[in-house]
Amino acid sequence: AVFGCERERFLAAWIERPAGQALACLRGGRLSGYGVLRNCLVGAKIGPLFAADAASAAELMRGLAAAAGRGTDVFIDIPAANPRAGRIRAGRAMEPVFETARMYLNGRPDEDVHRVFGVTTLEFG
């Protein structure tokens, strides 16, 4: 629903990368979201961060930021197409650093952007 295609092999490799942390959020015994934290050149980056609702996304963001460790700069690429995503940084000491635009050829793909609270990576989508 989020990608419009199967990404099981990609996600297995992504989640198992070294020096990172992957978390899942369960509600009523069902997966309501997951996220990954990875080291980057400066600090750490959260992505992907996918969730069924803003509460699950905020919980995952809190857990992933804590996993980065005190004093570590944490970055997340929040899509403007999901207004709930921008609100999860409210009340946190976070600020926009830069913006990008996503462009499509032959129309927008069939994806549920309202579940995307942090893109996997700008390089891979």
C-alpha atoms as a PDB file:
ATOM      1  CA  ALA A   1       0.000   0.000   0.000  1.00  0.00           C
ATOM      2  CA  VAL A   2       2.886   2.381   0.691  1.00  0.00           C
ATOM      3  CA  PHE A   3       5.021   1.559  -2.370  1.00  0.00           C
ATOM      4  CA  GLY A   4       2.694   0.123  -4.979  1.00  0.00           C
ATOM      5  CA  CYS A   5       4.965  -2.938  -5.370  1.00  0.00           C
ATOM      6  CA  GLU A   6       6.683  -5.681  -3.347  1.00  0.00           C
ATOM      7  CA  ARG A   7       9.831  -4.549  -1.522  1.00  0.00           C
ATOM      8  CA  GLU A   8      10.415  -7.492   0.815  1.00  0.00           C
ATOM      9  CA  ARG A   9      13.973  -8.229  -0.424  1.00  0.00           C
ATOM     10  CA  PHE A  10      14.931  -4.545  -0.366  1.00  0.00           C
ATOM     11  CA  LEU A  11      13.572  -4.049   3.153  1.00  0.00           C
ATOM     12  CA  ALA A  12      15.259  -7.193   4.512  1.00  0.00           C
ATOM     13  CA  ALA A  13      18.630  -5.921   3.273  1.00  0.00           C
ATOM     14  CA  TRP A  14      17.873  -2.378   4.454  1.00  0.00           C
ATOM     15  CA  ILE A  15      16.829  -3.371   7.972  1.00  0.00           C
ATOM     16  CA  GLU A  16      19.795  -5.726   8.423  1.00  0.00           C
ATOM     17  CA  ARG A  17      22.412  -3.079   7.584  1.00  0.00           C
ATOM     18  CA  PRO A  18      25.139  -2.710  10.201  1.00  0.00           C
ATOM     19  CA  ALA A  19      25.199   0.079  12.802  1.00  0.00           C
ATOM     20  CA  GLY A  20      21.486   0.754  12.866  1.00  0.00           C
ATOM     21  CA  GLN A  21      18.310   0.153  14.784  1.00  0.00           C
ATOM     22  CA  ALA A  22      14.935  -1.052  13.506  1.00  0.00           C
ATOM     23  CA  LEU A  23      11.758  -0.738  15.567  1.00  0.00           C
ATOM     24  CA  ALA A  24       8.189  -1.897  15.045  1.00  0.00           C
ATOM     25  CA  CYS A  25       5.014  -0.595  16.686  1.00  0.00           C
ATOM     26  CA  LEU A  26       2.238  -3.057  17.472  1.00  0.00           C
ATOM     27  CA  ARG A  27      -1.361  -2.105  18.259  1.00  0.00           C
ATOM     28  CA  GLY A  28      -3.735  -4.891  19.252  1.00  0.00           C
ATOM     29  CA  GLY A  29      -1.209  -7.483  18.108  1.00  0.00           C
ATOM     30  CA  ARG A  30      -0.982  -5.998  14.603  1.00  0.00           C
ATOM     31  CA  LEU A  31       1.836  -4.063  12.993  1.00  0.00           C
ATOM     32  CA  SER A  32       0.910  -0.368  12.949  1.00  0.00           C
ATOM     33  CA  GLY A  33       4.298   0.953  11.848  1.00  0.00           C
ATOM     34  CA  TYR A  34       8.037   0.508  11.634  1.00  0.00           C
ATOM     35  CA  GLY A  35      11.125   2.636  11.309  1.00  0.00           C
ATOM     36  CA  VAL A  36      14.877   2.387  10.876  1.00  0.00           C
ATOM     37  CA  LEU A  37      17.691   4.528  12.277  1.00  0.00           C
ATOM     38  CA  ARG A  38      21.089   4.481  10.568  1.00  0.00           C
ATOM     39  CA  ASN A  39      24.350   6.317  11.000  1.00  0.00           C
ATOM     40  CA  CYS A  40      25.207   8.921   8.398  1.00  0.00           C
ATOM     41  CA  LEU A  41      28.210  11.186   7.823  1.00  0.00           C
ATOM     42  CA  VAL A  42      26.954  13.571  10.495  1.00  0.00           C
ATOM     43  CA  GLY A  43      24.702  12.112  13.185  1.00  0.00           C
ATOM     44  CA  ALA A  44      21.987   9.601  12.352  1.00  0.00           C
ATOM     45  CA  LYS A  45      19.010   9.478  10.018  1.00  0.00           C
ATOM     46  CA  ILE A  46      15.533   8.055  10.540  1.00  0.00           C
ATOM     47  CA  GLY A  47      14.083   6.432   7.448  1.00  0.00           C
ATOM     48  CA  PRO A  48      11.969   4.700   6.563  1.00  0.00           C
ATOM     49  CA  LEU A  49       9.282   5.666   9.059  1.00  0.00           C
ATOM     50  CA  PHE A  50       5.922   4.221   8.008  1.00  0.00           C
ATOM     51  CA  ALA A  51       2.855   4.077  10.232  1.00  0.00           C
ATOM     52  CA  ALA A  52      -0.897   3.698  10.082  1.00  0.00           C
ATOM     53  CA  ASP A  53      -1.397   6.740  12.320  1.00  0.00           C
ATOM     54  CA  ALA A  54       0.425   9.735  13.756  1.00  0.00           C
ATOM     55  CA  ALA A  55       0.518   8.288  17.291  1.00  0.00           C
ATOM     56  CA  SER A  56       2.407   5.195  16.105  1.00  0.00           C
ATOM     57  CA  ALA A  57       4.757   7.362  14.034  1.00  0.00           C
ATOM     58  CA  ALA A  58       5.493   9.650  17.003  1.00  0.00           C
ATOM     59  CA  GLU A  59       6.184   6.645  19.235  1.00  0.00           C
ATOM     60  CA  LEU A  60       8.577   5.172  16.685  1.00  0.00           C
ATOM     61  CA  MET A  61      10.313   8.513  16.182  1.00  0.00           C
ATOM     62  CA  ARG A  62      10.786   8.869  19.940  1.00  0.00           C
ATOM     63  CA  GLY A  63      12.264   5.362  20.217  1.00  0.00           C
ATOM     64  CA  LEU A  64      14.559   5.754  17.237  1.00  0.00           C
ATOM     65  CA  ALA A  65      15.818   9.153  18.411  1.00  0.00           C
ATOM     66  CA  ALA A  66      16.568   7.626  21.837  1.00  0.00           C
ATOM     67  CA  ALA A  67      18.477   4.794  20.139  1.00  0.00           C
ATOM     68  CA  ALA A  68      20.711   7.386  18.434  1.00  0.00           C
ATOM     69  CA  GLY A  69      22.044   8.405  21.821  1.00  0.00           C
ATOM     70  CA  ARG A  70      22.203  11.670  23.708  1.00  0.00           C
ATOM     71  CA  GLY A  71      23.922  14.485  21.838  1.00  0.00           C
ATOM     72  CA  THR A  72      23.587  12.826  18.392  1.00  0.00           C
ATOM     73  CA  ASP A  73      22.069  14.966  15.644  1.00  0.00           C
ATOM     74  CA  VAL A  74      19.069  13.109  14.187  1.00  0.00           C
ATOM     75  CA  PHE A  75      17.668  13.824  10.722  1.00  0.00           C
ATOM     76  CA  ILE A  76      14.453  12.698   9.004  1.00  0.00           C
ATOM     77  CA  ASP A  77      13.152  13.473   5.513  1.00  0.00           C
ATOM     78  CA  ILE A  78       9.477  14.288   6.101  1.00  0.00           C
ATOM     79  CA  PRO A  79       7.223  14.311   3.020  1.00  0.00           C
ATOM     80  CA  ALA A  80       5.153  17.477   2.593  1.00  0.00           C
ATOM     81  CA  ALA A  81       2.436  15.366   0.925  1.00  0.00           C
ATOM     82  CA  ASN A  82       1.528  13.965   4.369  1.00  0.00           C
ATOM     83  CA  PRO A  83       0.547  16.899   6.615  1.00  0.00           C
ATOM     84  CA  ARG A  84       0.391  14.601   9.686  1.00  0.00           C
ATOM     85  CA  ALA A  85       4.083  13.831   9.198  1.00  0.00           C
ATOM     86  CA  GLY A  86       5.153  17.436   9.748  1.00  0.00           C
ATOM     87  CA  ARG A  87       3.195  17.592  13.000  1.00  0.00           C
ATOM     88  CA  ILE A  88       5.143  14.725  14.619  1.00  0.00           C
ATOM     89  CA  ARG A  89       8.172  16.982  14.937  1.00  0.00           C
ATOM     90  CA  ALA A  90       6.147  19.607  16.817  1.00  0.00           C
ATOM     91  CA  GLY A  91       7.496  20.151  20.309  1.00  0.00           C
ATOM     92  CA  ARG A  92      10.859  18.680  19.389  1.00  0.00           C
ATOM     93  CA  ALA A  93      14.054  20.637  18.902  1.00  0.00           C
ATOM     94  CA  MET A  94      13.952  19.972  15.142  1.00  0.00           C
ATOM     95  CA  GLU A  95      14.009  22.415  12.286  1.00  0.00           C
ATOM     96  CA  PRO A  96      13.954  22.157   8.489  1.00  0.00           C
ATOM     97  CA  VAL A  97      17.409  22.035   6.934  1.00  0.00           C
ATOM     98  CA  PHE A  98      16.529  21.779   3.229  1.00  0.00           C
ATOM     99  CA  GLU A  99      13.660  20.880   0.901  1.00  0.00           C
ATOM    100  CA  THR A 100      13.370  18.745  -2.199  1.00  0.00           C
ATOM    101  CA  ALA A 101      10.639  18.106  -4.758  1.00  0.00           C
ATOM    102  CA  ARG A 102       9.469  14.711  -5.950  1.00  0.00           C
ATOM    103  CA  MET A 103       8.613  14.527  -9.647  1.00  0.00           C
ATOM    104  CA  TYR A 104       6.731  11.791 -11.507  1.00  0.00           C
ATOM    105  CA  LEU A 105       6.631  10.710 -15.146  1.00  0.00           C
ATOM    106  CA  ASN A 106       3.236   9.447 -16.365  1.00  0.00           C
ATOM    107  CA  GLY A 107       1.321  10.327 -13.211  1.00  0.00           C
ATOM    108  CA  ARG A 108       1.676   9.682  -9.508  1.00  0.00           C
ATOM    109  CA  PRO A 109       2.186   6.014  -8.508  1.00  0.00           C
ATOM    110  CA  ASP A 110      -0.463   4.165  -6.513  1.00  0.00           C
ATOM    111  CA  GLU A 111       0.900   4.615  -2.994  1.00  0.00           C
ATOM    112  CA  ASP A 112      -0.563   5.568   0.375  1.00  0.00           C
ATOM    113  CA  VAL A 113       1.481   8.696   1.157  1.00  0.00           C
ATOM    114  CA  HIS A 114      -0.501   9.209   4.378  1.00  0.00           C
ATOM    115  CA  ARG A 115       1.432   6.315   5.922  1.00  0.00           C
ATOM    116  CA  VAL A 116       4.822   7.811   5.020  1.00  0.00           C
ATOM    117  CA  PHE A 117       6.158   9.852   7.943  1.00  0.00           C
ATOM    118  CA  GLY A 118       9.814   9.596   6.877  1.00  0.00           C
ATOM    119  CA  VAL A 119      11.094   8.531   3.462  1.00  0.00           C
ATOM    120  CA  THR A 120      13.524   5.626   3.300  1.00  0.00           C
ATOM    121  CA  THR A 121      16.162   7.744   1.608  1.00  0.00           C
ATOM    122  CA  LEU A 122      16.098  10.459  -0.991  1.00  0.00           C
ATOM    123  CA  GLU A 123      18.367   8.298  -3.124  1.00  0.00           C
ATOM    124  CA  PHE A 124      16.023   5.271  -3.130  1.00  0.00           C
ATOM    125  CA  GLY A 125      12.563   6.787  -2.433  1.00  0.00           C
END
